Each structure stands twice: as C-alpha cells, then as structure tokens.
Amino acid sequence: MKKIKLNNCIVFISIFTIELYIGMYVRDKYIRPYLGDILVIPLIYSFLNIFFKNNYKKLIIEVVIFAIFIEILQYFKLVEYLEIKNNILRIVIGTTYDFSDILCYIIGGVLTYINKCKCEKK
C-alpha cells in the first residue's frame, strides 16, 4: 500500500512540475493550450489517489466531470463575478472558457484510464 502511495506522490509531483513549467514559460499554440489541459486530469487523479483508495474508473470519471464543471464556471466568468484578485487562484480556476479544453479533459481522462488499466495488468 505504501509503495502505491509513494508512486502516486512521485507522479503527482512530476506532472505538477511540468504543469508549472508550461504555465510559467511556454507561450505557444499547442503545448500550453492543449497538453497543459490534457495533463490536468492525471494531475488531479494522482493527487486524489495519494489519499484515497478508490475505484479508479469512477474516480477518473469524477475528475473529468469536475474539470468540465470548472470550465463551465469559466464560461460564466466566476473569477470576475467573485472579484478574485489572487493570481494563483485565478490560474487554478481559470479565466477563459474554451470548448477545446473540455475535449482535452476527456482525452486526459481516456489516457489516464488506459494507463491505469495497463498498470493493473502488471
């Protein structure tokens, strides 16, 4: 059990580091807008997996639904409505709605599921 938790910590820290790098330094048309959104799903999934023993299929679906919900809140400009000024919180919640983000979250969920299925077979 501890090995699984340690692996999830390592995965989370690795993806989080990549996401930070993308968010702070990458200004392109593909990696930042698409890969960054795809990686959000395994990032959140690996974080939750550190603390909870779960049904991975259900958790992946819940994480994708959560990400889509946040995207919908961006459509309704939640950050502006709540007058959030904190830059980190603005980045976490997001400020710009884009339907392609929803597709990226679904792709991230599918890739997380495929990876988890491969790990289960080992």
C-alpha atoms as a PDB file:
ATOM      1  CA  MET A   1       0.000   0.000   0.000  1.00  0.00           C
ATOM      2  CA  LYS A   2       2.793   2.458   0.858  1.00  0.00           C
ATOM      3  CA  LYS A   3       4.519   1.776  -2.458  1.00  0.00           C
ATOM      4  CA  ILE A   4       1.361   2.720  -4.353  1.00  0.00           C
ATOM      5  CA  LYS A   5       1.034   5.962  -2.378  1.00  0.00           C
ATOM      6  CA  LEU A   6       4.714   6.824  -2.960  1.00  0.00           C
ATOM      7  CA  ASN A   7       4.302   6.178  -6.691  1.00  0.00           C
ATOM      8  CA  ASN A   8       1.275   8.467  -6.763  1.00  0.00           C
ATOM      9  CA  CYS A   9       3.251  11.173  -4.944  1.00  0.00           C
ATOM     10  CA  ILE A  10       6.039  10.915  -7.491  1.00  0.00           C
ATOM     11  CA  VAL A  11       3.588  11.017 -10.409  1.00  0.00           C
ATOM     12  CA  PHE A  12       1.753  13.990  -8.898  1.00  0.00           C
ATOM     13  CA  ILE A  13       4.940  15.978  -8.224  1.00  0.00           C
ATOM     14  CA  SER A  14       6.257  15.209 -11.713  1.00  0.00           C
ATOM     15  CA  ILE A  15       3.081  16.289 -13.507  1.00  0.00           C
ATOM     16  CA  PHE A  16       2.691  19.323 -11.228  1.00  0.00           C
ATOM     17  CA  THR A  17       6.259  20.412 -12.073  1.00  0.00           C
ATOM     18  CA  ILE A  18       5.562  20.013 -15.796  1.00  0.00           C
ATOM     19  CA  GLU A  19       2.311  21.979 -15.453  1.00  0.00           C
ATOM     20  CA  LEU A  20       4.080  24.793 -13.583  1.00  0.00           C
ATOM     21  CA  TYR A  21       6.781  24.959 -16.235  1.00  0.00           C
ATOM     22  CA  ILE A  22       4.188  25.043 -19.028  1.00  0.00           C
ATOM     23  CA  GLY A  23       2.143  27.696 -17.220  1.00  0.00           C
ATOM     24  CA  MET A  24       5.111  29.934 -16.484  1.00  0.00           C
ATOM     25  CA  TYR A  25       7.384  29.581 -19.511  1.00  0.00           C
ATOM     26  CA  VAL A  26       5.655  28.064 -22.531  1.00  0.00           C
ATOM     27  CA  ARG A  27       3.940  30.503 -24.885  1.00  0.00           C
ATOM     28  CA  ASP A  28       2.965  28.529 -27.955  1.00  0.00           C
ATOM     29  CA  LYS A  29      -0.135  27.382 -29.825  1.00  0.00           C
ATOM     30  CA  TYR A  30      -0.103  23.688 -28.866  1.00  0.00           C
ATOM     31  CA  ILE A  31       1.700  22.679 -25.676  1.00  0.00           C
ATOM     32  CA  ARG A  32       0.278  25.302 -23.342  1.00  0.00           C
ATOM     33  CA  PRO A  33      -3.335  25.279 -24.513  1.00  0.00           C
ATOM     34  CA  TYR A  34      -3.691  21.548 -25.214  1.00  0.00           C
ATOM     35  CA  LEU A  35      -1.067  19.449 -23.425  1.00  0.00           C
ATOM     36  CA  GLY A  36      -1.463  21.525 -20.279  1.00  0.00           C
ATOM     37  CA  ASP A  37      -5.210  20.796 -20.223  1.00  0.00           C
ATOM     38  CA  ILE A  38      -4.730  17.111 -21.005  1.00  0.00           C
ATOM     39  CA  LEU A  39      -2.300  16.793 -18.081  1.00  0.00           C
ATOM     40  CA  VAL A  40      -4.770  18.356 -15.627  1.00  0.00           C
ATOM     41  CA  ILE A  41      -6.730  15.111 -15.385  1.00  0.00           C
ATOM     42  CA  PRO A  42      -3.839  12.781 -14.448  1.00  0.00           C
ATOM     43  CA  LEU A  43      -2.572  15.540 -12.131  1.00  0.00           C
ATOM     44  CA  ILE A  44      -5.805  15.709 -10.131  1.00  0.00           C
ATOM     45  CA  TYR A  45      -6.301  11.935 -10.309  1.00  0.00           C
ATOM     46  CA  SER A  46      -2.793  11.185  -8.986  1.00  0.00           C
ATOM     47  CA  PHE A  47      -3.244  13.752  -6.201  1.00  0.00           C
ATOM     48  CA  LEU A  48      -6.519  12.198  -5.038  1.00  0.00           C
ATOM     49  CA  ASN A  49      -5.018   8.722  -5.337  1.00  0.00           C
ATOM     50  CA  ILE A  50      -2.403   9.658  -2.722  1.00  0.00           C
ATOM     51  CA  PHE A  51      -5.087   9.946  -0.049  1.00  0.00           C
ATOM     52  CA  PHE A  52      -7.925   7.660  -1.092  1.00  0.00           C
ATOM     53  CA  LYS A  53      -8.254   4.025  -2.014  1.00  0.00           C
ATOM     54  CA  ASN A  54     -10.823   4.088  -4.755  1.00  0.00           C
ATOM     55  CA  ASN A  55     -12.483   2.622  -7.775  1.00  0.00           C
ATOM     56  CA  TYR A  56     -10.188   4.129 -10.410  1.00  0.00           C
ATOM     57  CA  LYS A  57     -12.816   4.071 -13.172  1.00  0.00           C
ATOM     58  CA  LYS A  58     -15.259   6.032 -11.045  1.00  0.00           C
ATOM     59  CA  LEU A  59     -12.589   8.472  -9.845  1.00  0.00           C
ATOM     60  CA  ILE A  60     -11.361   9.220 -13.364  1.00  0.00           C
ATOM     61  CA  ILE A  61     -14.929   9.975 -14.479  1.00  0.00           C
ATOM     62  CA  GLU A  62     -15.473  12.197 -11.433  1.00  0.00           C
ATOM     63  CA  VAL A  63     -12.246  14.103 -12.107  1.00  0.00           C
ATOM     64  CA  VAL A  64     -13.233  14.696 -15.752  1.00  0.00           C
ATOM     65  CA  ILE A  65     -16.703  15.881 -14.688  1.00  0.00           C
ATOM     66  CA  PHE A  66     -15.114  18.199 -12.103  1.00  0.00           C
ATOM     67  CA  ALA A  67     -12.787  19.700 -14.745  1.00  0.00           C
ATOM     68  CA  ILE A  68     -15.694  20.224 -17.137  1.00  0.00           C
ATOM     69  CA  PHE A  69     -17.675  21.882 -14.321  1.00  0.00           C
ATOM     70  CA  ILE A  70     -14.784  24.297 -13.690  1.00  0.00           C
ATOM     71  CA  GLU A  71     -14.679  25.048 -17.421  1.00  0.00           C
ATOM     72  CA  ILE A  72     -18.393  25.836 -17.361  1.00  0.00           C
ATOM     73  CA  LEU A  73     -17.773  28.202 -14.425  1.00  0.00           C
ATOM     74  CA  GLN A  74     -15.200  29.929 -16.632  1.00  0.00           C
ATOM     75  CA  TYR A  75     -17.904  30.401 -19.251  1.00  0.00           C
ATOM     76  CA  PHE A  76     -19.949  32.251 -16.632  1.00  0.00           C
ATOM     77  CA  LYS A  77     -16.862  34.296 -15.618  1.00  0.00           C
ATOM     78  CA  LEU A  78     -16.819  33.122 -11.997  1.00  0.00           C
ATOM     79  CA  VAL A  79     -13.432  34.742 -11.306  1.00  0.00           C
ATOM     80  CA  GLU A  80     -14.718  38.169 -12.339  1.00  0.00           C
ATOM     81  CA  TYR A  81     -18.055  37.683 -10.583  1.00  0.00           C
ATOM     82  CA  LEU A  82     -16.292  36.832  -7.290  1.00  0.00           C
ATOM     83  CA  GLU A  83     -13.719  39.585  -7.947  1.00  0.00           C
ATOM     84  CA  ILE A  84     -10.808  37.207  -7.321  1.00  0.00           C
ATOM     85  CA  LYS A  85      -7.508  39.105  -7.451  1.00  0.00           C
ATOM     86  CA  ASN A  86      -5.086  36.367  -6.287  1.00  0.00           C
ATOM     87  CA  ASN A  87      -3.062  35.320  -9.359  1.00  0.00           C
ATOM     88  CA  ILE A  88      -2.534  31.723  -8.240  1.00  0.00           C
ATOM     89  CA  LEU A  89      -6.241  31.243  -7.582  1.00  0.00           C
ATOM     90  CA  ARG A  90      -7.062  32.852 -10.931  1.00  0.00           C
ATOM     91  CA  ILE A  91      -4.723  30.366 -12.663  1.00  0.00           C
ATOM     92  CA  VAL A  92      -6.171  27.383 -10.783  1.00  0.00           C
ATOM     93  CA  ILE A  93      -9.788  28.323 -11.529  1.00  0.00           C
ATOM     94  CA  GLY A  94      -9.028  29.713 -14.956  1.00  0.00           C
ATOM     95  CA  THR A  95     -10.388  32.822 -16.577  1.00  0.00           C
ATOM     96  CA  THR A  96     -11.120  31.877 -20.189  1.00  0.00           C
ATOM     97  CA  TYR A  97     -13.726  29.388 -21.409  1.00  0.00           C
ATOM     98  CA  ASP A  98     -12.777  27.285 -24.414  1.00  0.00           C
ATOM     99  CA  PHE A  99     -14.709  24.252 -25.646  1.00  0.00           C
ATOM    100  CA  SER A 100     -11.448  22.636 -26.770  1.00  0.00           C
ATOM    101  CA  ASP A 101     -10.460  22.484 -23.078  1.00  0.00           C
ATOM    102  CA  ILE A 102     -13.378  20.124 -22.477  1.00  0.00           C
ATOM    103  CA  LEU A 103     -12.125  17.874 -25.273  1.00  0.00           C
ATOM    104  CA  CYS A 104      -8.640  17.944 -23.728  1.00  0.00           C
ATOM    105  CA  TYR A 105     -10.063  16.905 -20.346  1.00  0.00           C
ATOM    106  CA  ILE A 106     -11.823  13.961 -21.982  1.00  0.00           C
ATOM    107  CA  ILE A 107      -8.597  12.963 -23.760  1.00  0.00           C
ATOM    108  CA  GLY A 108      -6.737  13.266 -20.454  1.00  0.00           C
ATOM    109  CA  GLY A 109      -9.346  11.036 -18.813  1.00  0.00           C
ATOM    110  CA  VAL A 110      -9.078   8.411 -21.550  1.00  0.00           C
ATOM    111  CA  LEU A 111      -5.268   8.419 -21.372  1.00  0.00           C
ATOM    112  CA  THR A 112      -5.370   8.169 -17.562  1.00  0.00           C
ATOM    113  CA  TYR A 113      -7.786   5.247 -17.842  1.00  0.00           C
ATOM    114  CA  ILE A 114      -5.614   3.454 -20.411  1.00  0.00           C
ATOM    115  CA  ASN A 115      -2.520   3.971 -18.278  1.00  0.00           C
ATOM    116  CA  LYS A 116      -4.300   2.737 -15.145  1.00  0.00           C
ATOM    117  CA  CYS A 117      -5.566  -0.365 -16.974  1.00  0.00           C
ATOM    118  CA  LYS A 118      -2.003  -1.146 -18.102  1.00  0.00           C
ATOM    119  CA  CYS A 119      -0.752  -0.755 -14.538  1.00  0.00           C
ATOM    120  CA  GLU A 120      -3.473  -3.045 -13.205  1.00  0.00           C
ATOM    121  CA  LYS A 121      -2.406  -5.828 -15.591  1.00  0.00           C
ATOM    122  CA  LYS A 122       1.179  -5.820 -14.269  1.00  0.00           C
END
